[in-house]
Every structure is written in structure tokens, then in C-alpha cells.
């Protein structure tokens, strides 16, 4: 394993390791305005939401590694402490990257990118019409993390108005993760797209507790087929199937497997682990357990 002391390598190289390792990162497409009323839009991938009550978002524009100059966005929020955080989806990703070009402060990125400014309701900066979600924010704190090139500043914002395009809502008026078609930042020039092909669901253990890996029999833990992810799924079940259900599953569903390997216990166990893995891939956790437990029943 490569081990790195951040103080012993050049900042650009450290920056590369950080951005290549931490991702995908959501994108804050920040719309700000300076004291003279000149608008600016720029994307930042050091960004997330950190509270719902109050609703708080934080993003971090960094000083230039080459010139040590602050970003126009940073300068603007120090003059007018307001920002619209526009969420980026696939439909506007190329216009977003164009807006990230190092234009001079007096240049209007709305015009350069062809994006449409829309007046906000509670703050001065414009919203981006093409963004599926627009968050009007008051900047409540700016925390500078350093004064050298590459140093970031935390722009801590309270969301005071939220606008969501109805086209990305489901029948319950909630954001549909397939419709919104979000993109996120990776390292280098790479992005990723959160569409149906790349997303998957895992039920959150909010109201229930799984049995945990410490309750899984050692022979399953030591499986040469099942991975740590597989074991995590198995450990998420609230209780093991009862013996009656396991025996019924063995006699009806697994009978051919047991007949095929009746004289080869090792191969039987291996085949049952392979079957359990396939069941886990289809999120059939209870059936996977019954396949595994059937070996000793």
C-alpha cells in the first residue's frame, strides 16, 4: 500500500490523490453577484448539505494553486453574502464546465455558457433556469482554511428558499432519483452520471437492527465465495429463517443440488455458497440464508 505524508509531496500531487480518491462528489453550481451587480456562476465539487433544521449547505472555493488568488465566487460572497446553489444534472453538464473557465471578473458567465438567469425571490443573485433544483441561500459564515495556493474556504449557507422543477418529482411530489439524472465529479476530467444503470438501493437500518457478522457461523465467514459485501447483506437480516422453512427450502428448491453432490460434501458446500451469492445479488437475503443453512440441516 502506498503511504503518503501530505507535507512531503507537492500540493498539486496531493490534490490529485484527494480528488481521485474521494468521489463521486456532488456539484454546487454557485450563482453569486458582486457589489456592482455583476453576476457570476461557477461550479464547486467540495460541497454537500449538512443539516435540515436549519437547512445548511457548505461549499468550498479554493485559492488558485498557481497564483494564490481567490475565486470570484469567494470575493463575491464577501461583498454580497448571498448565493444560489444550483444542482447540476446531465442536461447542463457541458454548459456547467464551460462556466468554470477562468474568465475575468467582469465577464458574465450566464452569457458565455448560454444559461438563463432567473430572478430569485429572497436574495440578489440569479437562479439558473436550467437547473432542476435551485437553493436560495444566505451566507452565514465564511471560514478560511489557509492563505496559500490550494487552500479552501468554507462557505456556510442557510437555505432560505428551495425551487424544484416539477419534471423531476414523483407521484408523491418527492424527488425521483431516476428522473433528476444527477452528475457528480470524480478525479481528473472524469464525471459520473447517477442514472438507472449505476444506481442501486439498500434499505437503511433505521428502525431495525441486523444480526451482525458476529452472529454468522464461522464456516460462512470463512467462505471462499462470499465477499465482505455479501456477508454485510447476510448480517443485515433481523432474524434467521426457522428450521422448518430451511428444511422445506432444502427439500423443494435445493433437492437437485443435494442429489447431484450427495457424495461430495465439499463440492456441495461450495455450490450452496455460489447459489447464496446469486441470491444476494438479487437481494433475496432470506433465501440466501436458507441455502447456506441447508448444508448443516
C-alpha atoms as a PDB file:
ATOM      1  CA  UNK A   1       0.000   0.000   0.000  1.00  0.00           C
ATOM      2  CA  UNK A   2       1.267   3.476  -0.917  1.00  0.00           C
ATOM      3  CA  UNK A   3       1.612   5.591   2.229  1.00  0.00           C
ATOM      4  CA  UNK A   4       1.818   9.370   1.893  1.00  0.00           C
ATOM      5  CA  UNK A   5       2.651  12.202   4.274  1.00  0.00           C
ATOM      6  CA  UNK A   6       0.720  15.202   2.865  1.00  0.00           C
ATOM      7  CA  UNK A   7       3.504  17.555   3.953  1.00  0.00           C
ATOM      8  CA  UNK A   8       6.122  15.678   1.940  1.00  0.00           C
ATOM      9  CA  UNK A   9       4.609  15.864  -1.560  1.00  0.00           C
ATOM     10  CA  UNK A  10       3.763  18.838  -3.818  1.00  0.00           C
ATOM     11  CA  UNK A  11       0.283  20.293  -3.342  1.00  0.00           C
ATOM     12  CA  UNK A  12      -0.818  19.551  -6.955  1.00  0.00           C
ATOM     13  CA  UNK A  13       0.049  15.886  -6.474  1.00  0.00           C
ATOM     14  CA  UNK A  14      -1.785  15.758  -3.130  1.00  0.00           C
ATOM     15  CA  UNK A  15      -4.743  17.465  -4.787  1.00  0.00           C
ATOM     16  CA  UNK A  16      -4.759  14.746  -7.441  1.00  0.00           C
ATOM     17  CA  UNK A  17      -4.763  11.962  -4.829  1.00  0.00           C
ATOM     18  CA  UNK A  18      -7.590  13.588  -2.863  1.00  0.00           C
ATOM     19  CA  UNK A  19      -9.835  14.215  -5.858  1.00  0.00           C
ATOM     20  CA  UNK A  20      -9.131  10.795  -7.328  1.00  0.00           C
ATOM     21  CA  UNK A  21      -9.933   9.051  -4.063  1.00  0.00           C
ATOM     22  CA  UNK A  22     -12.917  10.988  -2.714  1.00  0.00           C
ATOM     23  CA  UNK A  23     -15.840  10.745  -5.089  1.00  0.00           C
ATOM     24  CA  UNK A  24     -18.260  10.922  -6.625  1.00  0.00           C
ATOM     25  CA  UNK A  25     -18.722  14.437  -5.270  1.00  0.00           C
ATOM     26  CA  UNK A  26     -21.958  16.427  -5.719  1.00  0.00           C
ATOM     27  CA  UNK A  27     -21.589  19.708  -7.572  1.00  0.00           C
ATOM     28  CA  UNK A  28     -22.571  23.114  -6.261  1.00  0.00           C
ATOM     29  CA  UNK A  29     -23.170  25.382  -9.274  1.00  0.00           C
ATOM     30  CA  UNK A  30     -22.892  28.644  -7.349  1.00  0.00           C
ATOM     31  CA  UNK A  31     -24.519  31.839  -8.583  1.00  0.00           C
ATOM     32  CA  UNK A  32     -23.264  34.990  -6.904  1.00  0.00           C
ATOM     33  CA  UNK A  33     -23.175  38.732  -7.545  1.00  0.00           C
ATOM     34  CA  UNK A  34     -20.570  41.376  -6.718  1.00  0.00           C
ATOM     35  CA  UNK A  35     -21.144  44.800  -5.112  1.00  0.00           C
ATOM     36  CA  UNK A  36     -21.535  46.355  -8.576  1.00  0.00           C
ATOM     37  CA  UNK A  37     -24.221  43.893  -9.612  1.00  0.00           C
ATOM     38  CA  UNK A  38     -22.057  41.763 -11.935  1.00  0.00           C
ATOM     39  CA  UNK A  39     -23.277  38.138 -11.808  1.00  0.00           C
ATOM     40  CA  UNK A  40     -21.018  35.101 -11.671  1.00  0.00           C
ATOM     41  CA  UNK A  41     -21.654  31.367 -11.895  1.00  0.00           C
ATOM     42  CA  UNK A  42     -19.061  28.698 -11.102  1.00  0.00           C
ATOM     43  CA  UNK A  43     -19.119  25.000 -10.105  1.00  0.00           C
ATOM     44  CA  UNK A  44     -17.529  23.546  -6.956  1.00  0.00           C
ATOM     45  CA  UNK A  45     -17.348  19.882  -6.048  1.00  0.00           C
ATOM     46  CA  UNK A  46     -16.229  20.401  -2.453  1.00  0.00           C
ATOM     47  CA  UNK A  47     -19.887  20.635  -1.486  1.00  0.00           C
ATOM     48  CA  UNK A  48     -22.680  18.988   0.457  1.00  0.00           C
ATOM     49  CA  UNK A  49     -25.648  19.577   2.757  1.00  0.00           C
ATOM     50  CA  UNK A  50     -25.016  19.214   6.470  1.00  0.00           C
ATOM     51  CA  UNK A  51     -28.284  19.946   8.250  1.00  0.00           C
ATOM     52  CA  UNK A  52     -32.026  20.001   7.647  1.00  0.00           C
ATOM     53  CA  UNK A  53     -33.021  22.015  10.715  1.00  0.00           C
ATOM     54  CA  UNK A  54     -31.800  24.609   9.966  1.00  0.00           C
ATOM     55  CA  UNK A  55     -31.171  23.684   6.300  1.00  0.00           C
ATOM     56  CA  UNK A  56     -27.434  24.200   5.829  1.00  0.00           C
ATOM     57  CA  UNK A  57     -25.250  23.695   2.768  1.00  0.00           C
ATOM     58  CA  UNK A  58     -21.484  24.183   2.633  1.00  0.00           C
ATOM     59  CA  UNK A  59     -19.188  24.540  -0.352  1.00  0.00           C
ATOM     60  CA  UNK A  60     -15.522  25.401  -0.646  1.00  0.00           C
ATOM     61  CA  UNK A  61     -13.867  27.537  -3.334  1.00  0.00           C
ATOM     62  CA  UNK A  62     -10.102  27.071  -3.169  1.00  0.00           C
ATOM     63  CA  UNK A  63      -7.314  29.553  -3.818  1.00  0.00           C
ATOM     64  CA  UNK A  64      -5.550  29.076  -7.131  1.00  0.00           C
ATOM     65  CA  UNK A  65      -2.598  26.731  -6.835  1.00  0.00           C
ATOM     66  CA  UNK A  66      -0.739  28.774  -9.453  1.00  0.00           C
ATOM     67  CA  UNK A  67      -1.463  32.372  -8.447  1.00  0.00           C
ATOM     68  CA  UNK A  68      -2.837  32.063  -4.887  1.00  0.00           C
ATOM     69  CA  UNK A  69      -5.730  34.259  -5.978  1.00  0.00           C
ATOM     70  CA  UNK A  70      -9.197  33.764  -4.537  1.00  0.00           C
ATOM     71  CA  UNK A  71     -12.075  32.703  -6.795  1.00  0.00           C
ATOM     72  CA  UNK A  72     -14.567  35.312  -7.984  1.00  0.00           C
ATOM     73  CA  UNK A  73     -17.248  33.398  -6.077  1.00  0.00           C
ATOM     74  CA  UNK A  74     -15.331  33.833  -2.824  1.00  0.00           C
ATOM     75  CA  UNK A  75     -14.790  37.531  -3.484  1.00  0.00           C
ATOM     76  CA  UNK A  76     -18.465  38.000  -4.324  1.00  0.00           C
ATOM     77  CA  UNK A  77     -19.861  36.368  -1.184  1.00  0.00           C
ATOM     78  CA  UNK A  78     -17.584  38.540   0.950  1.00  0.00           C
ATOM     79  CA  UNK A  79     -19.185  41.575  -0.728  1.00  0.00           C
ATOM     80  CA  UNK A  80     -22.757  40.278  -1.041  1.00  0.00           C
ATOM     81  CA  UNK A  81     -23.216  37.325   1.368  1.00  0.00           C
ATOM     82  CA  UNK A  82     -25.808  35.511  -0.715  1.00  0.00           C
ATOM     83  CA  UNK A  83     -25.629  32.605  -3.175  1.00  0.00           C
ATOM     84  CA  UNK A  84     -27.875  30.358  -5.218  1.00  0.00           C
ATOM     85  CA  UNK A  85     -26.757  26.747  -5.139  1.00  0.00           C
ATOM     86  CA  UNK A  86     -27.950  25.249  -8.402  1.00  0.00           C
ATOM     87  CA  UNK A  87     -27.878  21.455  -8.687  1.00  0.00           C
ATOM     88  CA  UNK A  88     -26.271  20.016 -11.821  1.00  0.00           C
ATOM     89  CA  UNK A  89     -27.857  17.245 -13.866  1.00  0.00           C
ATOM     90  CA  UNK A  90     -26.751  15.667 -17.111  1.00  0.00           C
ATOM     91  CA  UNK A  91     -28.698  18.104 -19.287  1.00  0.00           C
ATOM     92  CA  UNK A  92     -26.491  21.049 -18.350  1.00  0.00           C
ATOM     93  CA  UNK A  93     -23.148  19.409 -17.536  1.00  0.00           C
ATOM     94  CA  UNK A  94     -21.286  20.811 -20.565  1.00  0.00           C
ATOM     95  CA  UNK A  95     -22.597  24.343 -20.026  1.00  0.00           C
ATOM     96  CA  UNK A  96     -21.549  23.999 -16.394  1.00  0.00           C
ATOM     97  CA  UNK A  97     -17.983  23.067 -17.329  1.00  0.00           C
ATOM     98  CA  UNK A  98     -17.844  25.973 -19.785  1.00  0.00           C
ATOM     99  CA  UNK A  99     -18.838  28.342 -16.975  1.00  0.00           C
ATOM    100  CA  UNK A 100     -15.857  27.083 -14.967  1.00  0.00           C
ATOM    101  CA  UNK A 101     -13.437  28.673 -17.456  1.00  0.00           C
ATOM    102  CA  UNK A 102     -11.154  31.299 -15.851  1.00  0.00           C
ATOM    103  CA  UNK A 103     -12.996  34.326 -17.224  1.00  0.00           C
ATOM    104  CA  UNK A 104     -12.150  37.785 -15.897  1.00  0.00           C
ATOM    105  CA  UNK A 105     -14.381  39.036 -13.043  1.00  0.00           C
ATOM    106  CA  UNK A 106     -16.303  41.439 -15.287  1.00  0.00           C
ATOM    107  CA  UNK A 107     -17.343  38.637 -17.674  1.00  0.00           C
ATOM    108  CA  UNK A 108     -20.897  37.336 -17.298  1.00  0.00           C
ATOM    109  CA  UNK A 109     -20.770  33.504 -17.328  1.00  0.00           C
ATOM    110  CA  UNK A 110     -24.512  33.374 -17.974  1.00  0.00           C
ATOM    111  CA  UNK A 111     -23.826  34.861 -21.399  1.00  0.00           C
ATOM    112  CA  UNK A 112     -20.732  32.717 -22.050  1.00  0.00           C
ATOM    113  CA  UNK A 113     -22.478  29.469 -21.121  1.00  0.00           C
ATOM    114  CA  UNK A 114     -25.865  30.302 -22.641  1.00  0.00           C
ATOM    115  CA  UNK A 115     -27.621  29.529 -19.363  1.00  0.00           C
ATOM    116  CA  UNK A 116     -30.708  31.507 -18.387  1.00  0.00           C
ATOM    117  CA  UNK A 117     -30.729  33.815 -15.326  1.00  0.00           C
ATOM    118  CA  UNK A 118     -33.954  33.858 -13.307  1.00  0.00           C
ATOM    119  CA  UNK A 119     -34.606  36.343 -10.511  1.00  0.00           C
ATOM    120  CA  UNK A 120     -34.504  34.934  -7.015  1.00  0.00           C
ATOM    121  CA  UNK A 121     -37.258  35.665  -4.518  1.00  0.00           C
ATOM    122  CA  UNK A 122     -35.286  36.354  -1.332  1.00  0.00           C
ATOM    123  CA  UNK A 123     -31.746  37.177  -2.454  1.00  0.00           C
ATOM    124  CA  UNK A 124     -29.965  39.191  -5.171  1.00  0.00           C
ATOM    125  CA  UNK A 125     -28.043  36.503  -7.155  1.00  0.00           C
ATOM    126  CA  UNK A 126     -29.863  34.919 -10.072  1.00  0.00           C
ATOM    127  CA  UNK A 127     -31.006  31.320 -10.242  1.00  0.00           C
ATOM    128  CA  UNK A 128     -30.120  29.115 -13.217  1.00  0.00           C
ATOM    129  CA  UNK A 129     -33.349  28.257 -15.003  1.00  0.00           C
ATOM    130  CA  UNK A 130     -31.964  25.022 -16.478  1.00  0.00           C
ATOM    131  CA  UNK A 131     -31.027  23.592 -13.054  1.00  0.00           C
ATOM    132  CA  UNK A 132     -33.570  21.073 -11.686  1.00  0.00           C
ATOM    133  CA  UNK A 133     -33.098  22.296  -8.098  1.00  0.00           C
ATOM    134  CA  UNK A 134     -32.210  25.835  -7.059  1.00  0.00           C
ATOM    135  CA  UNK A 135     -31.459  26.762  -3.470  1.00  0.00           C
ATOM    136  CA  UNK A 136     -31.520  30.420  -2.474  1.00  0.00           C
ATOM    137  CA  UNK A 137     -29.063  30.839   0.382  1.00  0.00           C
ATOM    138  CA  UNK A 138     -27.847  33.409   2.879  1.00  0.00           C
ATOM    139  CA  UNK A 139     -24.154  33.069   3.702  1.00  0.00           C
ATOM    140  CA  UNK A 140     -23.926  32.844   7.488  1.00  0.00           C
ATOM    141  CA  UNK A 141     -20.194  32.189   7.871  1.00  0.00           C
ATOM    142  CA  UNK A 142     -17.010  32.167   5.819  1.00  0.00           C
ATOM    143  CA  UNK A 143     -14.149  30.187   7.296  1.00  0.00           C
ATOM    144  CA  UNK A 144     -10.790  30.447   5.535  1.00  0.00           C
ATOM    145  CA  UNK A 145      -8.741  27.271   5.936  1.00  0.00           C
ATOM    146  CA  UNK A 146      -5.389  28.701   4.831  1.00  0.00           C
ATOM    147  CA  UNK A 147      -3.705  31.521   2.963  1.00  0.00           C
ATOM    148  CA  UNK A 148      -1.595  29.597   0.449  1.00  0.00           C
ATOM    149  CA  UNK A 149      -2.361  28.210  -3.000  1.00  0.00           C
ATOM    150  CA  UNK A 150      -4.772  25.269  -2.831  1.00  0.00           C
ATOM    151  CA  UNK A 151      -6.289  26.369   0.496  1.00  0.00           C
ATOM    152  CA  UNK A 152     -10.055  26.224   0.633  1.00  0.00           C
ATOM    153  CA  UNK A 153     -12.627  28.354   2.398  1.00  0.00           C
ATOM    154  CA  UNK A 154     -15.847  27.009   3.860  1.00  0.00           C
ATOM    155  CA  UNK A 155     -18.857  28.997   2.674  1.00  0.00           C
ATOM    156  CA  UNK A 156     -21.567  28.035   5.152  1.00  0.00           C
ATOM    157  CA  UNK A 157     -25.038  28.840   3.852  1.00  0.00           C
ATOM    158  CA  UNK A 158     -28.573  28.695   5.166  1.00  0.00           C
ATOM    159  CA  UNK A 159     -31.126  27.690   2.532  1.00  0.00           C
ATOM    160  CA  UNK A 160     -33.970  30.225   2.671  1.00  0.00           C
ATOM    161  CA  UNK A 161     -35.919  29.173  -0.422  1.00  0.00           C
ATOM    162  CA  UNK A 162     -35.963  25.968  -2.450  1.00  0.00           C
ATOM    163  CA  UNK A 163     -37.152  25.642  -6.062  1.00  0.00           C
ATOM    164  CA  UNK A 164     -37.618  22.199  -7.637  1.00  0.00           C
ATOM    165  CA  UNK A 165     -38.589  21.531 -11.241  1.00  0.00           C
ATOM    166  CA  UNK A 166     -41.807  19.505 -11.232  1.00  0.00           C
ATOM    167  CA  UNK A 167     -40.449  17.299 -14.032  1.00  0.00           C
ATOM    168  CA  UNK A 168     -38.100  15.583 -11.545  1.00  0.00           C
ATOM    169  CA  UNK A 169     -40.808  14.823  -8.968  1.00  0.00           C
ATOM    170  CA  UNK A 170     -42.598  11.518  -8.458  1.00  0.00           C
ATOM    171  CA  UNK A 171     -46.297  10.951  -7.760  1.00  0.00           C
ATOM    172  CA  UNK A 172     -45.772  11.874  -4.114  1.00  0.00           C
ATOM    173  CA  UNK A 173     -44.136  15.191  -5.028  1.00  0.00           C
ATOM    174  CA  UNK A 174     -40.742  13.897  -3.878  1.00  0.00           C
ATOM    175  CA  UNK A 175     -37.550  13.996  -5.937  1.00  0.00           C
ATOM    176  CA  UNK A 176     -37.390  10.942  -8.209  1.00  0.00           C
ATOM    177  CA  UNK A 177     -33.782   9.734  -8.295  1.00  0.00           C
ATOM    178  CA  UNK A 178     -34.161   8.365 -11.822  1.00  0.00           C
ATOM    179  CA  UNK A 179     -35.788  11.485 -13.237  1.00  0.00           C
ATOM    180  CA  UNK A 180     -33.358  14.023 -11.797  1.00  0.00           C
ATOM    181  CA  UNK A 181     -30.388  12.423 -13.637  1.00  0.00           C
ATOM    182  CA  UNK A 182     -27.665  13.901 -11.434  1.00  0.00           C
ATOM    183  CA  UNK A 183     -23.985  14.071 -12.301  1.00  0.00           C
ATOM    184  CA  UNK A 184     -21.051  14.114  -9.894  1.00  0.00           C
ATOM    185  CA  UNK A 185     -17.366  14.918 -10.009  1.00  0.00           C
ATOM    186  CA  UNK A 186     -14.563  12.385  -9.981  1.00  0.00           C
ATOM    187  CA  UNK A 187     -10.796  12.889 -10.326  1.00  0.00           C
ATOM    188  CA  UNK A 188      -9.080  14.476 -13.326  1.00  0.00           C
ATOM    189  CA  UNK A 189     -11.524  15.158 -16.160  1.00  0.00           C
ATOM    190  CA  UNK A 190     -13.899  12.425 -15.031  1.00  0.00           C
ATOM    191  CA  UNK A 191     -17.546  12.739 -14.070  1.00  0.00           C
ATOM    192  CA  UNK A 192     -20.181  10.117 -13.351  1.00  0.00           C
ATOM    193  CA  UNK A 193     -23.891  10.000 -14.084  1.00  0.00           C
ATOM    194  CA  UNK A 194     -26.355   8.707 -11.494  1.00  0.00           C
ATOM    195  CA  UNK A 195     -28.839   7.028 -13.784  1.00  0.00           C
ATOM    196  CA  UNK A 196     -30.783   3.770 -13.540  1.00  0.00           C
ATOM    197  CA  UNK A 197     -27.786   1.755 -14.748  1.00  0.00           C
ATOM    198  CA  UNK A 198     -25.494   3.000 -11.995  1.00  0.00           C
ATOM    199  CA  UNK A 199     -27.857   3.286  -9.015  1.00  0.00           C
ATOM    200  CA  UNK A 200     -28.939   0.618  -6.570  1.00  0.00           C
ATOM    201  CA  UNK A 201     -30.995   0.569  -3.390  1.00  0.00           C
ATOM    202  CA  UNK A 202     -30.020  -0.564   0.100  1.00  0.00           C
ATOM    203  CA  UNK A 203     -32.640  -0.393   2.818  1.00  0.00           C
ATOM    204  CA  UNK A 204     -31.478   1.815   5.681  1.00  0.00           C
ATOM    205  CA  UNK A 205     -31.368   0.065   9.102  1.00  0.00           C
ATOM    206  CA  UNK A 206     -33.116   2.954  10.855  1.00  0.00           C
ATOM    207  CA  UNK A 207     -35.837   1.123  12.788  1.00  0.00           C
ATOM    208  CA  UNK A 208     -34.335  -2.351  12.894  1.00  0.00           C
ATOM    209  CA  UNK A 209     -31.008  -3.947  13.778  1.00  0.00           C
ATOM    210  CA  UNK A 210     -29.361  -6.668  11.760  1.00  0.00           C
ATOM    211  CA  UNK A 211     -27.868  -9.700  13.483  1.00  0.00           C
ATOM    212  CA  UNK A 212     -24.354  -8.569  12.530  1.00  0.00           C
ATOM    213  CA  UNK A 213     -21.390 -10.518  11.204  1.00  0.00           C
ATOM    214  CA  UNK A 214     -20.557 -11.754  14.695  1.00  0.00           C
ATOM    215  CA  UNK A 215     -23.724 -13.870  14.564  1.00  0.00           C
ATOM    216  CA  UNK A 216     -22.816 -15.550  11.274  1.00  0.00           C
ATOM    217  CA  UNK A 217     -21.371 -19.093  11.600  1.00  0.00           C
ATOM    218  CA  UNK A 218     -17.619 -19.259  11.152  1.00  0.00           C
ATOM    219  CA  UNK A 219     -17.823 -21.622   8.164  1.00  0.00           C
ATOM    220  CA  UNK A 220     -19.818 -18.965   6.304  1.00  0.00           C
ATOM    221  CA  UNK A 221     -17.496 -16.157   7.396  1.00  0.00           C
ATOM    222  CA  UNK A 222     -14.548 -18.158   6.016  1.00  0.00           C
ATOM    223  CA  UNK A 223     -16.281 -18.771   2.670  1.00  0.00           C
ATOM    224  CA  UNK A 224     -14.070 -18.596  -0.413  1.00  0.00           C
ATOM    225  CA  UNK A 225     -17.084 -17.479  -2.456  1.00  0.00           C
ATOM    226  CA  UNK A 226     -18.786 -14.829  -0.346  1.00  0.00           C
ATOM    227  CA  UNK A 227     -17.251 -11.358  -0.121  1.00  0.00           C
ATOM    228  CA  UNK A 228     -17.357  -8.818   2.692  1.00  0.00           C
ATOM    229  CA  UNK A 229     -20.273  -7.137   0.922  1.00  0.00           C
ATOM    230  CA  UNK A 230     -22.104 -10.458   0.797  1.00  0.00           C
ATOM    231  CA  UNK A 231     -21.509 -11.018   4.486  1.00  0.00           C
ATOM    232  CA  UNK A 232     -22.746  -7.496   5.192  1.00  0.00           C
ATOM    233  CA  UNK A 233     -26.009  -8.342   3.444  1.00  0.00           C
ATOM    234  CA  UNK A 234     -26.327 -11.567   5.426  1.00  0.00           C
ATOM    235  CA  UNK A 235     -25.643  -9.708   8.661  1.00  0.00           C
ATOM    236  CA  UNK A 236     -28.411  -7.236   7.886  1.00  0.00           C
ATOM    237  CA  UNK A 237     -31.210  -9.741   8.424  1.00  0.00           C
ATOM    238  CA  UNK A 238     -33.155  -9.246  11.663  1.00  0.00           C
ATOM    239  CA  UNK A 239     -33.521 -12.937  12.447  1.00  0.00           C
ATOM    240  CA  UNK A 240     -32.515 -16.210  10.841  1.00  0.00           C
ATOM    241  CA  UNK A 241     -35.062 -18.376   8.996  1.00  0.00           C
ATOM    242  CA  UNK A 242     -36.528 -21.056  11.222  1.00  0.00           C
ATOM    243  CA  UNK A 243     -35.538 -24.691  10.837  1.00  0.00           C
ATOM    244  CA  UNK A 244     -38.871 -25.706   9.320  1.00  0.00           C
ATOM    245  CA  UNK A 245     -38.544 -23.155   6.497  1.00  0.00           C
ATOM    246  CA  UNK A 246     -34.933 -24.184   5.872  1.00  0.00           C
ATOM    247  CA  UNK A 247     -35.859 -27.862   5.604  1.00  0.00           C
ATOM    248  CA  UNK A 248     -38.751 -27.103   3.268  1.00  0.00           C
ATOM    249  CA  UNK A 249     -36.470 -24.981   1.063  1.00  0.00           C
ATOM    250  CA  UNK A 250     -33.917 -27.791   1.071  1.00  0.00           C
ATOM    251  CA  UNK A 251     -36.432 -30.454   0.059  1.00  0.00           C
ATOM    252  CA  UNK A 252     -38.241 -28.451  -2.606  1.00  0.00           C
ATOM    253  CA  UNK A 253     -35.829 -25.876  -4.054  1.00  0.00           C
ATOM    254  CA  UNK A 254     -32.452 -27.486  -3.388  1.00  0.00           C
ATOM    255  CA  UNK A 255     -33.265 -31.149  -3.900  1.00  0.00           C
ATOM    256  CA  UNK A 256     -31.458 -31.397  -7.258  1.00  0.00           C
ATOM    257  CA  UNK A 257     -28.320 -29.808  -5.800  1.00  0.00           C
ATOM    258  CA  UNK A 258     -28.236 -32.215  -2.865  1.00  0.00           C
ATOM    259  CA  UNK A 259     -28.774 -35.205  -5.164  1.00  0.00           C
ATOM    260  CA  UNK A 260     -26.014 -34.049  -7.517  1.00  0.00           C
ATOM    261  CA  UNK A 261     -23.449 -33.659  -4.741  1.00  0.00           C
ATOM    262  CA  UNK A 262     -24.689 -36.293  -2.268  1.00  0.00           C
ATOM    263  CA  UNK A 263     -21.280 -37.983  -2.148  1.00  0.00           C
ATOM    264  CA  UNK A 264     -19.157 -34.824  -2.170  1.00  0.00           C
ATOM    265  CA  UNK A 265     -19.793 -32.614   0.858  1.00  0.00           C
ATOM    266  CA  UNK A 266     -17.080 -30.108  -0.030  1.00  0.00           C
ATOM    267  CA  UNK A 267     -18.449 -29.506  -3.530  1.00  0.00           C
ATOM    268  CA  UNK A 268     -21.977 -29.326  -2.121  1.00  0.00           C
ATOM    269  CA  UNK A 269     -20.984 -26.613   0.336  1.00  0.00           C
ATOM    270  CA  UNK A 270     -19.214 -24.667  -2.429  1.00  0.00           C
ATOM    271  CA  UNK A 271     -22.250 -24.892  -4.713  1.00  0.00           C
ATOM    272  CA  UNK A 272     -24.571 -23.718  -1.943  1.00  0.00           C
ATOM    273  CA  UNK A 273     -22.318 -20.704  -1.323  1.00  0.00           C
ATOM    274  CA  UNK A 274     -22.384 -19.901  -5.043  1.00  0.00           C
ATOM    275  CA  UNK A 275     -26.157 -20.157  -5.054  1.00  0.00           C
ATOM    276  CA  UNK A 276     -26.375 -17.919  -1.982  1.00  0.00           C
ATOM    277  CA  UNK A 277     -24.187 -15.331  -3.704  1.00  0.00           C
ATOM    278  CA  UNK A 278     -26.511 -15.244  -6.722  1.00  0.00           C
ATOM    279  CA  UNK A 279     -29.499 -14.845  -4.430  1.00  0.00           C
ATOM    280  CA  UNK A 280     -27.801 -11.963  -2.632  1.00  0.00           C
ATOM    281  CA  UNK A 281     -27.143 -10.258  -5.964  1.00  0.00           C
ATOM    282  CA  UNK A 282     -30.932 -10.236  -6.402  1.00  0.00           C
ATOM    283  CA  UNK A 283     -31.424  -9.038  -2.817  1.00  0.00           C
ATOM    284  CA  UNK A 284     -33.042 -12.334  -1.786  1.00  0.00           C
ATOM    285  CA  UNK A 285     -31.378 -12.374   1.610  1.00  0.00           C
ATOM    286  CA  UNK A 286     -33.682 -14.824   3.402  1.00  0.00           C
ATOM    287  CA  UNK A 287     -33.386 -17.348   0.566  1.00  0.00           C
ATOM    288  CA  UNK A 288     -29.607 -16.961   0.603  1.00  0.00           C
ATOM    289  CA  UNK A 289     -29.635 -17.768   4.311  1.00  0.00           C
ATOM    290  CA  UNK A 290     -31.798 -20.857   3.738  1.00  0.00           C
ATOM    291  CA  UNK A 291     -29.383 -22.083   1.062  1.00  0.00           C
ATOM    292  CA  UNK A 292     -26.439 -21.664   3.445  1.00  0.00           C
ATOM    293  CA  UNK A 293     -28.172 -23.167   6.473  1.00  0.00           C
ATOM    294  CA  UNK A 294     -29.433 -26.138   4.442  1.00  0.00           C
ATOM    295  CA  UNK A 295     -25.904 -27.564   4.350  1.00  0.00           C
ATOM    296  CA  UNK A 296     -25.968 -28.499   8.025  1.00  0.00           C
ATOM    297  CA  UNK A 297     -29.675 -29.376   8.254  1.00  0.00           C
END
